[in-house]
Amino acid sequence: MKIEAQASSIPRSAIERVIAGREFQAVVEAVRRGERVISISCLVAPPARALAVVALERMTGKRVALVVEANRELEAWERDVRFWIEVLTGEPADASAGRALATLPASESDPYAGASPHVETLEERALALWKLAHGAARIVLLTARALARRTVGPAEIISSGTVLRLDAEQELSSLVQRLLAAGYVREDPVGAVGEFSVRGGLLDVWPPGGDAPVRIEFFGDAVDSIREFDPETQLSTRKLTSVELPPMREYAVASDDFRRWAGAARARWPEERFARALRDRTSLADEGESFPGWEWLMPLVKKTNASLFDYLREFVLIVDEPSAIERRLMELEATLRTRYAETDQADELGLAPEELYLTADELRAELEKMSRVEFRALGREAARVDERFSLLDAEAFGLASHRAEQRVPFYLFPAVERAVEIEWSARAAKSYHGNIQMLAADLQRRAQTTWLVMPSRGVAERVAKMLAEYEIDAQLLALAEAGRREATTTVTVGKISSGFELP
């Protein structure tokens, strides 16, 4: 990463100068004024956008929610956000980001394929909703599809998990039933997240988001001790005064809920043509057992009257390339309607798309209540041109014809409305392909602050040593320290998706 040095009478680090620069300060001031739409153009490098996201949360004190196109982008975004959290807080990323950051992927499986979403996706979604419901997440990363998904409300998420405190009253048998309903699995010994075991008055459990399992000892109905332990040696590693046991899935579902679903399903699909599909599922549900794909059918009895917007009431929404988000949601609506029709024609069970996802009109109404920051690489003028084709796009995807008749565009983030527009340039860094001599020559020639981010301490030490041979004074600093020290060339260790240059 290269950041152009700016003259200042107050010595500040390169990162502090970027945050104090006029471009970013214009964004901060617009958010503080409560502007409803703020558009940033030309900030094309993803790590530069991640810096803006983290700095915005810290400078304004407002929580932020970033919407990206799909799950495949979340890993790089999370890596970059964690990188900047460590730089700006001066704390190790695992400590600070673990509290501040939540990642909420979409369940991208086909709701009509008769298969359940991946268990890791269910776990990650539930943990993110738990953090949001408790106000713990300062930054949340999510996808377009996750934004549109209907879910349970914050109160339901809180009630499906548990917080245990030392000396508090808690009946062990009822706690076990809550863990089972929340998606935990009995396994002895406990060796993975989401597993628990009970031996007398001892409960071993490994909660999602935890680095190690926890052993909870009960004395009667009182919590007598809470200790983390090593699953390999079974030895305690540290004492705790409390522990959170978030749910492993959004729906807290017990055996009785499956039985209720069986009765409701027979009433919903009474025609003879659905008899086989019903029998395949109710044969298990009548026994209180789950069946493949039950998560997409359970809203029949476990009402999903909420959405992610119920968790984001006090957040500033940040949208990464609104046109890509809109197209993704338009494709989703068309695909869901097609698959629902095919499912019905095949005499299979499926809930209507509007029972699983917010409609475009519902999304638009919720978005209008929120302040948002848009990352548009080409700016809003290019978006205005794209918007002229929105009705044609809607017709091409076979969406509701009333939109065209009423001349209402599908676009959820219209570019025609008034917005604060800020141009802030960032571009990809030059690639040296391991040529240290070329890198050293550029460092000697350019009066820029440069960070070289290496994947390990050993590589960082070797790079600093090689640069010294070219008389480049490269300071080797820990990442948390690098954000607070002034140096023309810094070599540090961290994980970031790509290099970039930010004038």
Protein backbone atom coordinates (compact mmCIF):
# COMPACT_ATOMS: atom_id res chain seq x y z
CA MET A 1 0.00 0.00 0.00
CA LYS A 2 1.31 3.43 -0.91
CA ILE A 3 0.03 6.63 0.60
CA GLU A 4 1.26 9.98 -0.63
CA ALA A 5 2.84 12.06 2.12
CA GLN A 6 1.15 15.36 2.92
CA ALA A 7 2.78 18.33 4.60
CA SER A 8 1.59 18.90 8.15
CA SER A 9 2.89 20.78 11.17
CA ILE A 10 1.63 17.93 13.35
CA PRO A 11 3.52 14.64 12.90
CA ARG A 12 0.98 11.94 12.16
CA SER A 13 1.13 8.45 10.74
CA ALA A 14 0.22 7.85 7.12
CA ILE A 15 -3.09 6.24 8.08
CA GLU A 16 -4.01 9.21 10.28
CA ARG A 17 -3.28 11.55 7.39
CA VAL A 18 -5.58 9.56 5.11
CA ILE A 19 -8.43 9.70 7.62
CA ALA A 20 -7.83 13.44 8.12
CA GLY A 21 -7.81 14.05 4.36
CA ARG A 22 -10.54 16.13 2.76
CA GLU A 23 -12.12 13.20 0.87
CA PHE A 24 -12.72 11.02 3.88
CA GLN A 25 -13.65 13.94 6.11
CA ALA A 26 -16.34 14.91 3.61
CA VAL A 27 -17.82 11.42 4.01
CA VAL A 28 -17.64 11.62 7.82
CA GLU A 29 -19.30 15.04 7.93
CA ALA A 30 -22.08 13.95 5.58
CA VAL A 31 -22.83 10.91 7.78
CA ARG A 32 -22.84 13.07 10.90
CA ARG A 33 -25.26 15.50 9.23
CA GLY A 34 -27.61 12.62 8.58
CA GLU A 35 -27.47 12.81 4.77
CA ARG A 36 -29.58 9.98 3.43
CA VAL A 37 -27.38 9.05 0.45
CA ILE A 38 -23.61 9.54 0.14
CA SER A 39 -21.90 8.28 -3.01
CA ILE A 40 -18.15 7.61 -3.23
CA SER A 41 -16.69 7.16 -6.70
CA CYS A 42 -13.25 6.04 -8.00
CA LEU A 43 -12.34 4.18 -4.79
CA VAL A 44 -11.88 0.98 -6.76
CA ALA A 45 -9.35 -0.98 -4.66
CA PRO A 46 -11.23 -3.31 -2.26
CA PRO A 47 -8.77 -2.83 0.67
CA ALA A 48 -9.19 0.94 0.34
CA ARG A 49 -12.94 0.50 0.59
CA ALA A 50 -12.44 -1.67 3.67
CA LEU A 51 -10.34 1.11 5.23
CA ALA A 52 -13.21 3.53 4.60
CA VAL A 53 -15.69 1.14 6.24
CA VAL A 54 -13.63 0.64 9.42
CA ALA A 55 -12.59 4.29 9.71
CA LEU A 56 -16.18 5.46 9.21
CA GLU A 57 -17.36 3.36 12.15
CA ARG A 58 -14.58 4.68 14.36
CA MET A 59 -14.84 8.34 13.30
CA THR A 60 -18.63 8.67 13.49
CA GLY A 61 -19.37 6.29 16.34
CA LYS A 62 -22.14 4.78 14.20
CA ARG A 63 -22.44 1.09 13.51
CA VAL A 64 -22.17 0.13 9.85
CA ALA A 65 -23.52 -2.71 7.70
CA LEU A 66 -21.79 -3.47 4.41
CA VAL A 67 -23.78 -5.21 1.65
CA VAL A 68 -21.80 -7.09 -1.01
CA GLU A 69 -23.03 -9.06 -3.98
CA ALA A 70 -22.51 -12.69 -2.90
CA ASN A 71 -20.95 -15.07 -0.37
CA ARG A 72 -17.81 -15.53 -2.47
CA GLU A 73 -16.77 -11.93 -1.68
CA LEU A 74 -17.20 -12.15 2.08
CA GLU A 75 -13.90 -13.89 2.85
CA ALA A 76 -11.77 -11.18 1.19
CA TRP A 77 -13.85 -8.42 2.76
CA GLU A 78 -13.56 -9.98 6.22
CA ARG A 79 -9.78 -10.32 5.83
CA ASP A 80 -9.42 -6.65 4.82
CA VAL A 81 -11.74 -5.37 7.55
CA ARG A 82 -9.88 -7.35 10.21
CA PHE A 83 -6.62 -5.93 8.87
CA TRP A 84 -7.80 -2.34 9.32
CA ILE A 85 -9.43 -2.99 12.68
CA GLU A 86 -6.04 -4.10 13.97
CA VAL A 87 -4.31 -1.07 12.42
CA LEU A 88 -6.79 1.49 13.75
CA THR A 89 -7.39 -0.01 17.20
CA GLY A 90 -3.84 -1.12 17.88
CA GLU A 91 -5.21 -4.42 19.19
CA PRO A 92 -4.71 -7.91 17.74
CA ALA A 93 -7.41 -8.59 15.17
CA ASP A 94 -8.70 -11.70 16.92
CA ALA A 95 -9.38 -9.71 20.09
CA SER A 96 -10.89 -6.52 18.67
CA ALA A 97 -12.51 -7.88 15.50
CA GLY A 98 -13.96 -10.83 17.39
CA ARG A 99 -16.09 -8.41 19.37
CA ALA A 100 -16.77 -5.80 16.73
CA LEU A 101 -17.24 -7.77 13.52
CA ALA A 102 -20.05 -10.05 12.38
CA THR A 103 -20.26 -11.81 9.03
CA LEU A 104 -23.70 -12.88 7.83
CA PRO A 105 -23.68 -15.04 4.70
CA ALA A 106 -26.74 -16.04 2.71
CA SER A 107 -28.16 -19.54 2.57
CA GLU A 108 -27.52 -19.84 -1.14
CA SER A 109 -28.92 -23.35 -1.52
CA ASP A 110 -32.06 -23.80 -3.61
CA PRO A 111 -35.12 -23.53 -1.29
CA TYR A 112 -36.98 -25.96 -3.54
CA ALA A 113 -34.33 -28.68 -3.88
CA GLY A 114 -35.32 -30.55 -0.72
CA ALA A 115 -31.90 -30.03 0.89
CA SER A 116 -30.84 -28.15 4.01
CA PRO A 117 -28.37 -25.24 3.91
CA HIS A 118 -24.77 -26.03 4.83
CA VAL A 119 -24.34 -26.36 8.59
CA GLU A 120 -21.46 -23.85 8.65
CA THR A 121 -23.66 -21.27 6.94
CA LEU A 122 -26.42 -21.84 9.49
CA GLU A 123 -23.90 -21.47 12.32
CA GLU A 124 -22.37 -18.27 10.93
CA ARG A 125 -25.78 -16.70 10.31
CA ALA A 126 -27.01 -17.51 13.81
CA LEU A 127 -23.84 -16.16 15.46
CA ALA A 128 -24.08 -12.91 13.49
CA LEU A 129 -27.76 -12.46 14.41
CA TRP A 130 -26.90 -13.19 18.06
CA LYS A 131 -24.22 -10.48 18.05
CA LEU A 132 -26.58 -8.02 16.37
CA ALA A 133 -29.44 -8.78 18.74
CA HIS A 134 -27.15 -8.09 21.72
CA GLY A 135 -25.72 -4.90 20.19
CA ALA A 136 -22.23 -6.41 20.17
CA ALA A 137 -21.45 -6.01 16.46
CA ARG A 138 -20.11 -2.65 15.32
CA ILE A 139 -19.50 -3.75 11.73
CA VAL A 140 -21.54 -6.39 9.93
CA LEU A 141 -20.75 -7.84 6.51
CA LEU A 142 -23.62 -9.40 4.58
CA THR A 143 -24.79 -10.25 1.08
CA ALA A 144 -27.66 -9.02 -1.06
CA ARG A 145 -29.50 -12.29 -0.61
CA ALA A 146 -29.00 -12.20 3.16
CA LEU A 147 -30.46 -8.69 3.25
CA ALA A 148 -33.61 -9.91 1.48
CA ARG A 149 -34.11 -13.07 3.55
CA ARG A 150 -36.96 -13.22 6.06
CA THR A 151 -35.91 -14.47 9.48
CA VAL A 152 -36.87 -14.51 13.14
CA GLY A 153 -36.71 -11.33 15.20
CA PRO A 154 -34.03 -10.28 17.71
CA ALA A 155 -36.13 -11.41 20.69
CA GLU A 156 -36.38 -14.95 19.29
CA ILE A 157 -32.64 -15.15 18.67
CA ILE A 158 -31.90 -13.97 22.21
CA SER A 159 -34.32 -16.46 23.74
CA SER A 160 -32.91 -19.39 21.72
CA GLY A 161 -29.41 -18.84 23.11
CA THR A 162 -28.19 -18.73 26.69
CA VAL A 163 -25.82 -16.64 28.81
CA LEU A 164 -24.54 -18.47 31.89
CA ARG A 165 -22.98 -16.60 34.80
CA LEU A 166 -21.12 -17.85 37.82
CA ASP A 167 -23.45 -18.57 40.80
CA ALA A 168 -26.58 -17.99 38.67
CA GLU A 169 -29.52 -20.40 38.87
CA GLN A 170 -29.97 -22.67 35.84
CA GLU A 171 -31.61 -26.07 35.70
CA LEU A 172 -29.31 -28.37 33.75
CA SER A 173 -32.05 -30.53 32.19
CA SER A 174 -33.89 -27.53 30.73
CA LEU A 175 -30.59 -26.11 29.47
CA VAL A 176 -29.92 -29.36 27.60
CA GLN A 177 -33.32 -29.11 25.90
CA ARG A 178 -32.58 -25.54 24.85
CA LEU A 179 -29.21 -26.57 23.42
CA LEU A 180 -30.83 -29.34 21.36
CA ALA A 181 -33.52 -26.97 20.06
CA ALA A 182 -30.83 -24.42 19.15
CA GLY A 183 -28.99 -26.95 16.97
CA TYR A 184 -26.31 -28.31 19.32
CA VAL A 185 -25.45 -32.02 19.05
CA ARG A 186 -24.62 -34.50 21.83
CA GLU A 187 -21.09 -35.86 21.42
CA ASP A 188 -18.77 -37.28 24.05
CA PRO A 189 -16.05 -36.16 24.23
CA VAL A 190 -16.68 -32.70 22.82
CA GLY A 191 -14.32 -32.06 19.91
CA ALA A 192 -15.93 -29.47 17.64
CA VAL A 193 -18.05 -26.33 17.68
CA GLY A 194 -21.73 -27.05 18.36
CA GLU A 195 -21.16 -30.21 20.38
CA PHE A 196 -22.01 -30.81 24.05
CA SER A 197 -21.96 -33.63 26.56
CA VAL A 198 -23.35 -34.13 30.06
CA ARG A 199 -21.77 -36.23 32.82
CA GLY A 200 -23.54 -35.91 36.13
CA GLY A 201 -23.36 -32.24 37.07
CA LEU A 202 -20.81 -31.38 34.38
CA LEU A 203 -21.72 -29.84 31.04
CA ASP A 204 -19.06 -29.64 28.32
CA VAL A 205 -20.03 -27.42 25.40
CA TRP A 206 -18.25 -25.71 22.50
CA PRO A 207 -20.19 -22.57 21.54
CA PRO A 208 -19.96 -20.95 18.09
CA GLY A 209 -17.43 -18.14 18.07
CA GLY A 210 -15.47 -19.77 20.90
CA ASP A 211 -11.80 -20.66 20.54
CA ALA A 212 -12.12 -23.58 22.96
CA PRO A 213 -14.84 -25.67 24.63
CA VAL A 214 -16.13 -24.76 28.07
CA ARG A 215 -16.72 -26.99 31.09
CA ILE A 216 -19.57 -25.85 33.34
CA GLU A 217 -20.00 -27.44 36.74
CA PHE A 218 -23.37 -27.29 38.49
CA PHE A 219 -24.03 -27.55 42.19
CA GLY A 220 -27.72 -28.35 42.29
CA ASP A 221 -29.26 -25.75 39.98
CA ALA A 222 -26.47 -23.21 40.50
CA VAL A 223 -23.53 -22.60 38.16
CA ASP A 224 -20.57 -23.45 40.38
CA SER A 225 -17.66 -22.97 37.95
CA ILE A 226 -16.98 -22.12 34.31
CA ARG A 227 -13.66 -23.09 32.73
CA GLU A 228 -12.26 -23.26 29.24
CA PHE A 229 -10.41 -26.50 28.57
CA ASP A 230 -8.15 -28.08 25.99
CA PRO A 231 -10.15 -30.70 24.05
CA GLU A 232 -6.99 -32.79 23.48
CA THR A 233 -5.77 -33.00 27.08
CA GLN A 234 -9.12 -32.25 28.79
CA LEU A 235 -7.19 -29.92 31.13
CA SER A 236 -8.60 -26.54 32.14
CA THR A 237 -6.86 -23.53 30.60
CA ARG A 238 -8.59 -20.57 32.25
CA LYS A 239 -11.47 -19.67 34.53
CA LEU A 240 -14.42 -17.60 33.33
CA THR A 241 -17.12 -15.66 35.15
CA SER A 242 -19.65 -16.05 32.31
CA VAL A 243 -20.09 -17.72 28.95
CA GLU A 244 -22.37 -17.08 25.99
CA LEU A 245 -24.00 -20.04 24.25
CA PRO A 246 -25.38 -18.57 21.01
CA PRO A 247 -27.72 -20.72 18.90
CA MET A 248 -26.30 -22.85 16.10
CA ARG A 249 -29.18 -21.93 13.77
CA GLU A 250 -31.80 -19.21 13.39
CA TYR A 251 -34.74 -21.42 14.27
CA ALA A 252 -34.98 -22.89 17.75
CA VAL A 253 -36.91 -26.05 16.85
CA ALA A 254 -37.89 -28.83 19.24
CA SER A 255 -39.63 -32.15 18.57
CA ASP A 256 -43.07 -30.62 19.19
CA ASP A 257 -42.41 -28.03 16.48
CA PHE A 258 -41.89 -30.77 13.89
CA ARG A 259 -45.12 -32.43 15.00
CA ARG A 260 -46.97 -29.12 14.68
CA TRP A 261 -45.44 -28.67 11.24
CA ALA A 262 -46.76 -32.07 10.15
CA GLY A 263 -50.32 -31.05 11.01
CA ALA A 264 -49.97 -27.65 9.37
CA ALA A 265 -48.46 -29.20 6.23
CA ARG A 266 -51.41 -31.54 5.77
CA ALA A 267 -53.72 -28.55 5.97
CA ARG A 268 -51.57 -26.48 3.55
CA TRP A 269 -51.24 -29.20 0.90
CA PRO A 270 -54.42 -31.31 1.14
CA GLU A 271 -54.58 -32.34 -2.54
CA GLU A 272 -53.90 -35.96 -3.37
CA ARG A 273 -51.05 -35.01 -5.70
CA PHE A 274 -48.95 -33.91 -2.71
CA ALA A 275 -49.50 -37.16 -0.78
CA ARG A 276 -46.13 -38.72 -1.59
CA ALA A 277 -44.14 -35.55 -0.82
CA LEU A 278 -46.07 -35.12 2.43
CA ARG A 279 -45.51 -38.72 3.47
CA ASP A 280 -41.76 -38.44 2.90
CA ARG A 281 -41.59 -35.58 5.40
CA THR A 282 -44.41 -36.20 7.87
CA SER A 283 -43.23 -39.76 8.52
CA LEU A 284 -40.27 -38.14 10.28
CA ALA A 285 -41.94 -34.94 11.50
CA ASP A 286 -44.72 -36.92 13.25
CA GLU A 287 -41.96 -38.56 15.32
CA GLY A 288 -40.51 -35.17 16.21
CA GLU A 289 -37.55 -35.62 13.87
CA SER A 290 -36.09 -33.33 11.23
CA PHE A 291 -36.05 -34.06 7.51
CA PRO A 292 -33.89 -32.76 4.62
CA GLY A 293 -34.73 -29.19 3.69
CA TRP A 294 -36.94 -28.53 6.73
CA GLU A 295 -35.41 -25.05 7.18
CA TRP A 296 -37.18 -23.85 4.00
CA LEU A 297 -40.55 -25.25 5.12
CA MET A 298 -40.54 -24.50 8.86
CA PRO A 299 -41.81 -20.88 8.39
CA LEU A 300 -45.19 -22.57 7.99
CA VAL A 301 -45.34 -22.77 11.81
CA LYS A 302 -42.30 -20.76 12.98
CA LYS A 303 -43.27 -17.44 11.53
CA THR A 304 -40.50 -15.33 10.06
CA ASN A 305 -42.10 -11.94 10.55
CA ALA A 306 -38.77 -10.11 10.70
CA SER A 307 -35.84 -9.39 8.43
CA LEU A 308 -32.30 -8.17 8.86
CA PHE A 309 -33.61 -4.62 8.85
CA ASP A 310 -35.06 -5.29 12.32
CA TYR A 311 -31.47 -5.81 13.50
CA LEU A 312 -30.04 -2.77 11.67
CA ARG A 313 -32.26 0.06 12.86
CA GLU A 314 -29.37 2.20 14.12
CA PHE A 315 -26.89 1.26 11.37
CA VAL A 316 -25.55 3.16 8.40
CA LEU A 317 -25.87 0.95 5.33
CA ILE A 318 -22.86 0.75 3.00
CA VAL A 319 -23.57 -0.70 -0.44
CA ASP A 320 -20.73 -2.10 -2.54
CA GLU A 321 -21.66 -1.39 -6.19
CA PRO A 322 -25.44 -0.89 -5.98
CA SER A 323 -26.01 -1.93 -9.60
CA ALA A 324 -24.50 -5.37 -8.89
CA ILE A 325 -26.64 -5.74 -5.76
CA GLU A 326 -29.78 -4.82 -7.69
CA ARG A 327 -29.06 -7.23 -10.51
CA ARG A 328 -28.36 -10.03 -8.03
CA LEU A 329 -31.71 -9.44 -6.30
CA MET A 330 -33.54 -9.19 -9.62
CA GLU A 331 -32.07 -12.52 -10.70
CA LEU A 332 -32.98 -14.02 -7.32
CA GLU A 333 -36.63 -12.98 -7.63
CA ALA A 334 -36.91 -14.41 -11.13
CA THR A 335 -35.18 -17.67 -10.15
CA LEU A 336 -37.33 -18.15 -7.06
CA ARG A 337 -40.56 -17.69 -8.99
CA THR A 338 -39.45 -20.12 -11.68
CA ARG A 339 -38.34 -22.75 -9.15
CA TYR A 340 -41.54 -22.36 -7.11
CA ALA A 341 -43.65 -22.96 -10.21
CA GLU A 342 -41.54 -26.00 -11.17
CA THR A 343 -41.84 -27.39 -7.64
CA ASP A 344 -45.61 -27.09 -7.67
CA GLN A 345 -45.84 -28.71 -11.09
CA ALA A 346 -43.73 -31.62 -9.80
CA ASP A 347 -46.18 -32.09 -6.87
CA GLU A 348 -43.48 -31.20 -4.36
CA LEU A 349 -43.78 -28.99 -1.28
CA GLY A 350 -42.52 -25.43 -1.26
CA LEU A 351 -43.40 -22.08 0.26
CA ALA A 352 -43.98 -19.11 -2.02
CA PRO A 353 -40.97 -16.80 -2.60
CA GLU A 354 -42.63 -13.96 -0.68
CA GLU A 355 -42.86 -16.24 2.37
CA LEU A 356 -39.09 -16.71 2.35
CA TYR A 357 -37.79 -13.36 1.04
CA LEU A 358 -38.83 -9.73 1.10
CA THR A 359 -40.41 -8.49 -2.10
CA ALA A 360 -38.80 -5.67 -4.09
CA ASP A 361 -41.41 -3.23 -2.77
CA GLU A 362 -40.74 -4.30 0.83
CA LEU A 363 -37.00 -3.96 0.31
CA ARG A 364 -37.40 -0.51 -1.18
CA ALA A 365 -39.57 0.65 1.73
CA GLU A 366 -37.01 -0.57 4.28
CA LEU A 367 -34.06 0.95 2.41
CA GLU A 368 -35.74 4.34 2.32
CA LYS A 369 -35.65 4.42 6.13
CA MET A 370 -31.86 4.09 6.29
CA SER A 371 -28.92 6.38 5.62
CA ARG A 372 -26.50 4.78 3.19
CA VAL A 373 -23.07 5.15 1.67
CA GLU A 374 -22.57 3.83 -1.85
CA PHE A 375 -19.32 2.64 -3.41
CA ARG A 376 -19.73 3.25 -7.16
CA ALA A 377 -16.50 2.81 -9.11
CA LEU A 378 -17.80 4.83 -12.08
CA GLY A 379 -19.90 7.29 -10.10
CA ARG A 380 -23.58 8.09 -10.16
CA GLU A 381 -23.61 9.53 -13.68
CA ALA A 382 -22.82 6.08 -15.06
CA ALA A 383 -25.53 4.68 -12.79
CA ARG A 384 -28.05 7.12 -14.26
CA VAL A 385 -27.30 5.74 -17.71
CA ASP A 386 -27.73 2.18 -16.43
CA GLU A 387 -31.02 3.12 -14.83
CA ARG A 388 -32.55 3.96 -18.20
CA PHE A 389 -32.40 0.26 -19.01
CA SER A 390 -33.94 -0.91 -15.74
CA LEU A 391 -37.43 -1.43 -17.12
CA LEU A 392 -36.05 -3.40 -20.06
CA ASP A 393 -34.08 -5.54 -17.63
CA ALA A 394 -37.18 -6.16 -15.52
CA GLU A 395 -39.14 -7.31 -18.56
CA ALA A 396 -36.24 -9.51 -19.71
CA PHE A 397 -36.25 -11.32 -16.34
CA GLY A 398 -40.02 -11.82 -16.55
CA LEU A 399 -40.80 -9.79 -13.46
CA ALA A 400 -44.17 -8.32 -12.53
CA SER A 401 -45.57 -6.33 -15.43
CA HIS A 402 -47.22 -3.76 -13.16
CA ARG A 403 -43.79 -2.16 -12.62
CA ALA A 404 -43.53 -1.25 -16.27
CA GLU A 405 -47.13 -0.04 -16.37
CA GLN A 406 -46.57 2.24 -13.38
CA ARG A 407 -43.14 3.33 -14.67
CA VAL A 408 -41.58 2.32 -11.33
CA PRO A 409 -37.98 1.10 -11.80
CA PHE A 410 -36.80 -2.08 -10.14
CA TYR A 411 -33.72 -0.26 -8.87
CA LEU A 412 -33.54 -0.16 -5.08
CA PHE A 413 -30.79 2.49 -5.05
CA PRO A 414 -31.97 5.04 -7.64
CA ALA A 415 -29.28 7.39 -8.92
CA VAL A 416 -31.72 10.14 -9.83
CA GLU A 417 -32.33 11.29 -6.27
CA ARG A 418 -30.31 13.96 -4.49
CA ALA A 419 -27.07 12.65 -3.00
CA VAL A 420 -23.74 13.84 -1.65
CA GLU A 421 -21.16 12.82 -4.26
CA ILE A 422 -17.47 12.46 -3.32
CA GLU A 423 -14.64 11.45 -5.63
CA TRP A 424 -11.86 9.60 -3.83
CA SER A 425 -9.30 7.88 -6.03
CA ALA A 426 -7.49 4.64 -5.27
CA ARG A 427 -5.89 2.26 -7.72
CA ALA A 428 -4.18 -1.11 -7.71
CA ALA A 429 -0.53 -1.11 -6.69
CA LYS A 430 2.22 -1.97 -9.17
CA SER A 431 3.18 -5.64 -9.15
CA TYR A 432 6.91 -6.43 -8.82
CA HIS A 433 6.71 -10.23 -9.15
CA GLY A 434 9.43 -10.67 -6.55
CA ASN A 435 11.88 -8.21 -8.16
CA ILE A 436 13.38 -6.53 -5.08
CA GLN A 437 15.77 -4.42 -7.17
CA MET A 438 12.88 -2.82 -9.06
CA LEU A 439 10.98 -2.27 -5.81
CA ALA A 440 14.00 -0.65 -4.17
CA ALA A 441 14.50 1.66 -7.16
CA ASP A 442 10.87 2.84 -6.91
CA LEU A 443 11.16 3.37 -3.16
CA GLN A 444 14.29 5.51 -3.65
CA ARG A 445 12.69 7.54 -6.42
CA ARG A 446 9.25 8.22 -4.95
CA ALA A 447 8.55 10.41 -1.94
CA GLN A 448 5.71 8.26 -0.69
CA THR A 449 4.92 6.43 2.50
CA THR A 450 4.96 2.73 1.67
CA TRP A 451 3.75 -0.30 3.60
CA LEU A 452 4.89 -3.75 2.58
CA VAL A 453 2.46 -6.28 4.06
CA MET A 454 3.95 -9.76 4.27
CA PRO A 455 2.21 -13.07 5.08
CA SER A 456 4.61 -14.09 7.88
CA ARG A 457 7.27 -12.72 10.22
CA GLY A 458 9.99 -14.71 8.48
CA VAL A 459 9.15 -13.29 5.05
CA ALA A 460 8.92 -9.77 6.49
CA GLU A 461 12.39 -10.07 8.05
CA ARG A 462 13.89 -11.30 4.79
CA VAL A 463 12.30 -8.45 2.79
CA ALA A 464 13.54 -5.84 5.28
CA LYS A 465 17.05 -7.34 5.12
CA MET A 466 17.09 -7.35 1.31
CA LEU A 467 15.91 -3.74 1.16
CA ALA A 468 18.69 -2.77 3.57
CA GLU A 469 21.19 -4.03 0.97
CA TYR A 470 19.85 -1.30 -1.34
CA GLU A 471 20.16 1.28 1.47
CA ILE A 472 16.40 1.38 2.05
CA ASP A 473 15.65 1.99 5.74
CA ALA A 474 12.60 -0.27 6.09
CA GLN A 475 11.28 -0.45 9.64
CA LEU A 476 9.96 -3.85 10.67
CA LEU A 477 6.89 -3.16 12.80
CA ALA A 478 3.98 -5.18 14.17
CA LEU A 479 0.75 -4.34 12.37
CA ALA A 480 -0.89 -2.78 15.43
CA GLU A 481 2.20 -0.58 15.89
CA ALA A 482 2.55 0.35 12.22
CA GLY A 483 -0.65 2.40 12.27
CA ARG A 484 0.81 4.68 14.94
CA ARG A 485 4.42 5.07 13.83
CA GLU A 486 5.76 7.35 11.12
CA ALA A 487 8.16 5.70 8.71
CA THR A 488 8.81 6.23 5.01
CA THR A 489 8.95 2.46 4.43
CA THR A 490 7.34 -0.03 6.78
CA VAL A 491 7.48 -3.82 6.57
CA THR A 492 4.75 -5.52 8.56
CA VAL A 493 2.86 -8.79 8.83
CA GLY A 494 -0.80 -9.12 8.02
CA LYS A 495 -3.49 -10.52 5.76
CA ILE A 496 -4.90 -8.23 3.08
CA SER A 497 -6.50 -9.12 -0.24
CA SER A 498 -4.34 -6.94 -2.51
CA GLY A 499 -2.03 -3.97 -2.66
CA PHE A 500 -3.25 -0.49 -3.60
CA GLU A 501 -2.12 3.07 -3.99
CA LEU A 502 -4.06 5.85 -2.32
CA PRO A 503 -2.93 9.38 -3.26
